[in-house]
């Protein structure tokens, strides 16, 4: 199996965990405030990843810690703008605007980094964009502060993905991922102490939610992202991450018995087709030239 294929499969796994985090976060917020929940999942995730992947921490240097702190600042801002964006606008608007990361990454790559994705990837991005519109049910945008925060969230995550692609080639990617968790947890503890009242889960079910978020949606998912981005492009990563609403919507239907419209299912299908189009590089399978000028022998 090629390294990029393996990396893409790992990113799909991480995206699935993040898709499940929406339902888990909804349950967790019944007892915990947003900064406390985020702080707990990242601090616990940090210790789990640090223990399980301890040999990689031996490769930590000042550069690793510097980049981990920078990524943690960006990631903390992503969570803050996401939470408050959803608070001040509709879920459909927030979902659509935050999913624009899939468009922002190739645009930034082309305009500022002079990197042009291949045609199949651009086709996948276009299909994913249409799929997001259909899946989120967006009709119109009457721009407000919540929409602005959601758009900022998408832009911040686009920078996170683009920067991750470059940094993981200069330091130990797994060590970077582990320290990113620790710094993000610390930053959210500070925000929790400033803006919220300290509290811990009161029930076993909430502890289960916190632990699942910490282990699968944080320790595994974010370290996997750091590792996998060494072997695949930022645009390809953003395209795979656009599957997050597909997984979250499907789990909402299965677990919460929510209803997904025909339009939503078509949107989910386009997201999947877009990812496959890029993964399989479908346009490269087409003939380079059509035999239009080929001489046809006369019939006798």
Protein backbone atom coordinates (compact mmCIF):
# COMPACT_ATOMS: atom_id res chain seq x y z
CA UNK A 1 0.00 0.00 0.00
CA UNK A 2 1.34 3.45 -0.97
CA UNK A 3 2.16 5.84 1.86
CA UNK A 4 -0.36 8.40 0.60
CA UNK A 5 -3.13 5.80 0.44
CA UNK A 6 -2.32 4.70 3.98
CA UNK A 7 -2.24 8.34 5.11
CA UNK A 8 -5.61 9.05 3.48
CA UNK A 9 -7.20 6.01 5.15
CA UNK A 10 -5.88 7.20 8.52
CA UNK A 11 -7.30 10.67 7.86
CA UNK A 12 -10.69 9.14 7.03
CA UNK A 13 -10.55 7.32 10.39
CA UNK A 14 -9.74 10.58 12.17
CA UNK A 15 -12.58 12.32 10.31
CA UNK A 16 -14.99 9.58 11.42
CA UNK A 17 -14.01 10.14 15.05
CA UNK A 18 -14.47 13.90 14.66
CA UNK A 19 -17.86 13.29 13.07
CA UNK A 20 -18.89 11.27 16.12
CA UNK A 21 -17.67 14.04 18.43
CA UNK A 22 -20.68 16.25 17.60
CA UNK A 23 -23.11 13.84 19.24
CA UNK A 24 -20.76 13.18 22.18
CA UNK A 25 -20.15 16.88 22.73
CA UNK A 26 -23.90 17.49 22.74
CA UNK A 27 -24.24 14.97 25.60
CA UNK A 28 -21.17 16.28 27.42
CA UNK A 29 -22.42 19.88 27.42
CA UNK A 30 -25.39 18.85 29.56
CA UNK A 31 -23.03 18.90 32.57
CA UNK A 32 -19.89 20.74 31.43
CA UNK A 33 -19.24 24.17 29.96
CA UNK A 34 -17.48 24.30 26.55
CA UNK A 35 -13.98 25.31 27.74
CA UNK A 36 -14.03 22.77 30.56
CA UNK A 37 -15.10 19.96 28.23
CA UNK A 38 -12.43 20.88 25.67
CA UNK A 39 -9.75 21.24 28.37
CA UNK A 40 -10.56 17.83 29.85
CA UNK A 41 -10.56 15.98 26.51
CA UNK A 42 -7.22 17.50 25.48
CA UNK A 43 -5.43 17.11 28.82
CA UNK A 44 -6.57 13.49 29.20
CA UNK A 45 -5.81 12.90 25.51
CA UNK A 46 -2.32 14.33 26.00
CA UNK A 47 -1.46 11.95 28.85
CA UNK A 48 -2.89 8.93 26.99
CA UNK A 49 -0.92 9.78 23.83
CA UNK A 50 2.24 10.61 25.80
CA UNK A 51 2.15 7.26 27.63
CA UNK A 52 1.26 5.21 24.54
CA UNK A 53 3.76 6.93 22.24
CA UNK A 54 6.44 7.83 24.78
CA UNK A 55 9.45 6.86 22.57
CA UNK A 56 8.54 9.68 20.15
CA UNK A 57 8.72 12.26 22.94
CA UNK A 58 12.47 11.60 23.10
CA UNK A 59 12.68 13.36 19.73
CA UNK A 60 11.26 16.59 21.18
CA UNK A 61 13.32 19.73 20.68
CA UNK A 62 12.71 23.46 20.99
CA UNK A 63 11.41 23.64 17.44
CA UNK A 64 8.86 20.90 18.14
CA UNK A 65 7.58 22.72 21.23
CA UNK A 66 7.45 26.06 19.39
CA UNK A 67 5.37 24.66 16.54
CA UNK A 68 3.17 22.67 18.94
CA UNK A 69 2.35 25.87 20.85
CA UNK A 70 1.53 27.69 17.59
CA UNK A 71 -0.75 24.87 16.42
CA UNK A 72 -2.40 24.79 19.86
CA UNK A 73 -3.17 28.51 19.68
CA UNK A 74 -4.75 28.07 16.24
CA UNK A 75 -6.66 24.97 17.40
CA UNK A 76 -7.95 26.75 20.50
CA UNK A 77 -9.17 29.64 18.34
CA UNK A 78 -10.85 27.10 16.02
CA UNK A 79 -12.81 25.65 18.97
CA UNK A 80 -13.70 29.11 20.33
CA UNK A 81 -14.93 30.51 17.00
CA UNK A 82 -16.80 27.28 16.28
CA UNK A 83 -18.61 27.31 19.63
CA UNK A 84 -19.56 30.98 19.56
CA UNK A 85 -20.29 30.91 15.84
CA UNK A 86 -22.91 28.21 16.40
CA UNK A 87 -24.23 30.22 19.38
CA UNK A 88 -24.94 33.34 17.31
CA UNK A 89 -26.12 31.87 14.01
CA UNK A 90 -28.10 28.87 12.77
CA UNK A 91 -26.60 25.39 12.81
CA UNK A 92 -27.06 25.20 9.01
CA UNK A 93 -25.19 28.47 8.44
CA UNK A 94 -22.39 27.50 10.82
CA UNK A 95 -22.06 24.04 9.30
CA UNK A 96 -21.86 25.46 5.79
CA UNK A 97 -19.38 28.25 6.59
CA UNK A 98 -17.07 26.07 8.70
CA UNK A 99 -17.04 23.46 5.93
CA UNK A 100 -15.68 26.10 3.54
CA UNK A 101 -12.23 24.98 4.70
CA UNK A 102 -12.38 22.53 1.78
CA UNK A 103 -12.49 25.52 -0.61
CA UNK A 104 -10.11 27.80 1.29
CA UNK A 105 -7.16 25.38 1.36
CA UNK A 106 -6.77 25.05 -2.45
CA UNK A 107 -7.48 28.76 -2.95
CA UNK A 108 -4.74 29.76 -0.49
CA UNK A 109 -2.42 27.15 -2.02
CA UNK A 110 -2.93 28.52 -5.54
CA UNK A 111 -2.91 32.27 -4.75
CA UNK A 112 -0.23 32.51 -2.06
CA UNK A 113 1.83 29.32 -2.17
CA UNK A 114 1.87 28.93 -5.97
CA UNK A 115 0.87 25.28 -5.62
CA UNK A 116 -1.75 23.96 -8.02
CA UNK A 117 -3.59 20.75 -7.06
CA UNK A 118 -4.15 18.20 -9.83
CA UNK A 119 -7.38 18.28 -11.84
CA UNK A 120 -8.95 15.28 -10.07
CA UNK A 121 -8.45 16.91 -6.67
CA UNK A 122 -10.00 20.18 -7.90
CA UNK A 123 -12.97 18.19 -9.27
CA UNK A 124 -13.29 16.50 -5.87
CA UNK A 125 -13.22 19.89 -4.11
CA UNK A 126 -15.96 21.23 -6.42
CA UNK A 127 -18.19 18.18 -5.81
CA UNK A 128 -17.54 18.43 -2.07
CA UNK A 129 -18.50 22.12 -2.08
CA UNK A 130 -21.83 21.35 -3.80
CA UNK A 131 -22.32 18.44 -1.40
CA UNK A 132 -21.79 20.70 1.63
CA UNK A 133 -24.41 23.14 0.33
CA UNK A 134 -26.96 20.33 -0.08
CA UNK A 135 -26.08 18.50 3.16
CA UNK A 136 -26.22 21.58 5.42
CA UNK A 137 -29.49 22.73 3.91
CA UNK A 138 -28.21 26.28 3.51
CA UNK A 139 -30.68 28.56 1.73
CA UNK A 140 -29.31 32.07 2.23
CA UNK A 141 -26.86 33.99 4.39
CA UNK A 142 -27.88 37.14 6.24
CA UNK A 143 -24.40 37.85 7.51
CA UNK A 144 -24.11 38.40 11.28
CA UNK A 145 -21.45 38.01 13.97
CA UNK A 146 -22.08 34.25 14.21
CA UNK A 147 -21.55 33.85 10.47
CA UNK A 148 -18.36 35.91 10.71
CA UNK A 149 -17.01 33.73 13.52
CA UNK A 150 -17.88 30.56 11.59
CA UNK A 151 -16.07 31.89 8.52
CA UNK A 152 -13.07 32.78 10.69
CA UNK A 153 -13.15 29.23 12.10
CA UNK A 154 -12.91 27.79 8.57
CA UNK A 155 -10.02 30.13 7.70
CA UNK A 156 -8.12 29.25 10.89
CA UNK A 157 -8.51 25.53 10.25
CA UNK A 158 -7.35 26.00 6.65
CA UNK A 159 -4.15 27.63 7.96
CA UNK A 160 -3.79 24.81 10.50
CA UNK A 161 -3.92 22.20 7.70
CA UNK A 162 -1.58 24.12 5.39
CA UNK A 163 0.98 24.78 8.10
CA UNK A 164 0.78 21.18 9.33
CA UNK A 165 1.69 19.89 5.85
CA UNK A 166 4.98 21.80 6.00
CA UNK A 167 5.96 21.48 9.64
CA UNK A 168 5.49 17.71 9.85
CA UNK A 169 8.35 17.34 7.35
CA UNK A 170 10.79 19.19 9.64
CA UNK A 171 10.13 17.66 13.10
CA UNK A 172 8.93 14.36 14.56
CA UNK A 173 5.25 14.51 13.52
CA UNK A 174 3.99 12.27 16.33
CA UNK A 175 5.85 14.23 19.02
CA UNK A 176 4.38 17.41 17.50
CA UNK A 177 0.88 15.93 17.68
CA UNK A 178 1.28 14.91 21.32
CA UNK A 179 2.57 18.31 22.48
CA UNK A 180 -0.15 20.06 20.49
CA UNK A 181 -2.70 18.25 22.67
CA UNK A 182 -0.98 19.33 25.88
CA UNK A 183 -0.73 23.01 24.93
CA UNK A 184 -4.34 23.08 23.70
CA UNK A 185 -5.48 21.61 27.02
CA UNK A 186 -3.53 24.22 28.99
CA UNK A 187 -4.91 27.12 26.92
CA UNK A 188 -8.47 25.86 27.43
CA UNK A 189 -7.91 25.47 31.18
CA UNK A 190 -6.89 29.14 31.28
CA UNK A 191 -10.00 30.16 29.32
CA UNK A 192 -12.20 27.95 31.53
CA UNK A 193 -10.85 29.59 34.70
CA UNK A 194 -11.45 33.06 33.24
CA UNK A 195 -14.90 32.60 31.69
CA UNK A 196 -16.48 29.60 33.45
CA UNK A 197 -17.05 28.12 36.90
CA UNK A 198 -14.76 25.12 37.58
CA UNK A 199 -16.66 21.83 37.52
CA UNK A 200 -16.20 18.11 36.89
CA UNK A 201 -18.62 15.51 35.47
CA UNK A 202 -21.19 14.31 38.00
CA UNK A 203 -22.36 11.12 36.29
CA UNK A 204 -20.70 7.99 34.92
CA UNK A 205 -22.24 8.54 31.48
CA UNK A 206 -20.61 11.97 31.17
CA UNK A 207 -17.24 10.54 32.21
CA UNK A 208 -17.66 7.91 29.47
CA UNK A 209 -18.34 10.69 26.97
CA UNK A 210 -15.27 12.64 28.12
CA UNK A 211 -13.04 9.57 27.93
CA UNK A 212 -14.27 8.63 24.45
CA UNK A 213 -13.67 12.20 23.27
CA UNK A 214 -10.22 12.18 24.88
CA UNK A 215 -9.08 8.80 23.54
CA UNK A 216 -10.59 8.53 20.07
CA UNK A 217 -11.53 12.08 19.00
CA UNK A 218 -8.43 13.72 20.47
CA UNK A 219 -5.45 11.46 21.29
CA UNK A 220 -5.87 9.23 18.24
CA UNK A 221 -7.44 11.64 15.74
CA UNK A 222 -5.11 14.63 16.15
CA UNK A 223 -1.92 12.56 16.35
CA UNK A 224 -3.05 10.64 13.27
CA UNK A 225 -3.54 13.95 11.45
CA UNK A 226 0.02 15.04 12.26
CA UNK A 227 1.45 11.70 11.17
CA UNK A 228 -0.61 11.39 7.98
CA UNK A 229 -0.01 14.92 6.68
CA UNK A 230 3.62 14.04 6.07
CA UNK A 231 2.49 11.90 3.14
CA UNK A 232 -0.45 13.74 1.56
CA UNK A 233 -1.23 17.27 0.40
CA UNK A 234 -3.09 19.93 2.37
CA UNK A 235 -5.82 20.13 -0.30
CA UNK A 236 -6.28 16.35 -0.19
CA UNK A 237 -6.47 16.53 3.62
CA UNK A 238 -9.12 19.27 3.54
CA UNK A 239 -11.15 17.24 1.04
CA UNK A 240 -11.12 14.20 3.31
CA UNK A 241 -12.04 16.38 6.32
CA UNK A 242 -15.09 17.60 4.37
CA UNK A 243 -16.55 14.12 5.04
CA UNK A 244 -17.02 15.09 8.69
CA UNK A 245 -20.68 16.23 8.23
CA UNK A 246 -21.37 12.96 6.36
CA UNK A 247 -20.24 10.93 9.36
CA UNK A 248 -21.92 13.22 11.91
CA UNK A 249 -25.18 13.24 9.93
CA UNK A 250 -25.19 9.46 9.45
CA UNK A 251 -24.54 8.86 13.16
CA UNK A 252 -27.28 11.33 14.06
CA UNK A 253 -29.70 9.31 11.92
CA UNK A 254 -28.59 5.98 13.44
CA UNK A 255 -28.25 7.02 17.10
CA UNK A 256 -30.50 10.06 17.58
CA UNK A 257 -33.03 8.99 14.92
CA UNK A 258 -32.82 12.38 13.24
CA UNK A 259 -34.25 12.72 9.72
CA UNK A 260 -31.96 13.42 6.77
CA UNK A 261 -33.76 14.76 3.70
CA UNK A 262 -33.31 13.51 0.15
CA UNK A 263 -31.34 16.68 -0.51
CA UNK A 264 -29.09 15.83 2.43
CA UNK A 265 -28.47 12.30 1.18
CA UNK A 266 -27.57 13.65 -2.28
CA UNK A 267 -25.16 16.09 -0.63
CA UNK A 268 -23.56 13.28 1.37
CA UNK A 269 -23.23 11.20 -1.81
CA UNK A 270 -21.51 14.09 -3.63
CA UNK A 271 -19.05 14.48 -0.76
CA UNK A 272 -18.19 10.79 -0.97
CA UNK A 273 -17.92 10.90 -4.78
CA UNK A 274 -15.71 13.98 -4.56
CA UNK A 275 -13.34 12.25 -2.16
CA UNK A 276 -13.20 9.11 -4.32
CA UNK A 277 -12.63 11.19 -7.47
CA UNK A 278 -9.57 12.72 -5.88
CA UNK A 279 -8.36 9.51 -4.23
CA UNK A 280 -8.56 7.49 -7.44
CA UNK A 281 -7.38 10.39 -9.63
CA UNK A 282 -10.24 9.63 -12.02
CA UNK A 283 -9.34 12.27 -14.60
CA UNK A 284 -5.96 10.63 -15.17
CA UNK A 285 -7.82 7.49 -16.28
CA UNK A 286 -9.36 9.32 -19.25
CA UNK A 287 -7.57 9.10 -22.60
CA UNK A 288 -5.18 12.01 -23.15
CA UNK A 289 -6.28 12.51 -26.77
CA UNK A 290 -9.36 11.40 -28.57
CA UNK A 291 -8.65 9.75 -31.94
CA UNK A 292 -10.53 12.44 -33.87
CA UNK A 293 -8.08 12.59 -36.76
CA UNK A 294 -7.59 8.90 -37.10
CA UNK A 295 -8.00 7.77 -40.71
CA UNK A 296 -10.80 5.29 -41.13
CA UNK A 297 -10.12 2.73 -43.88
CA UNK A 298 -12.75 2.73 -46.64
CA UNK A 299 -15.29 -0.03 -46.70
CA UNK A 300 -15.19 -2.30 -49.70
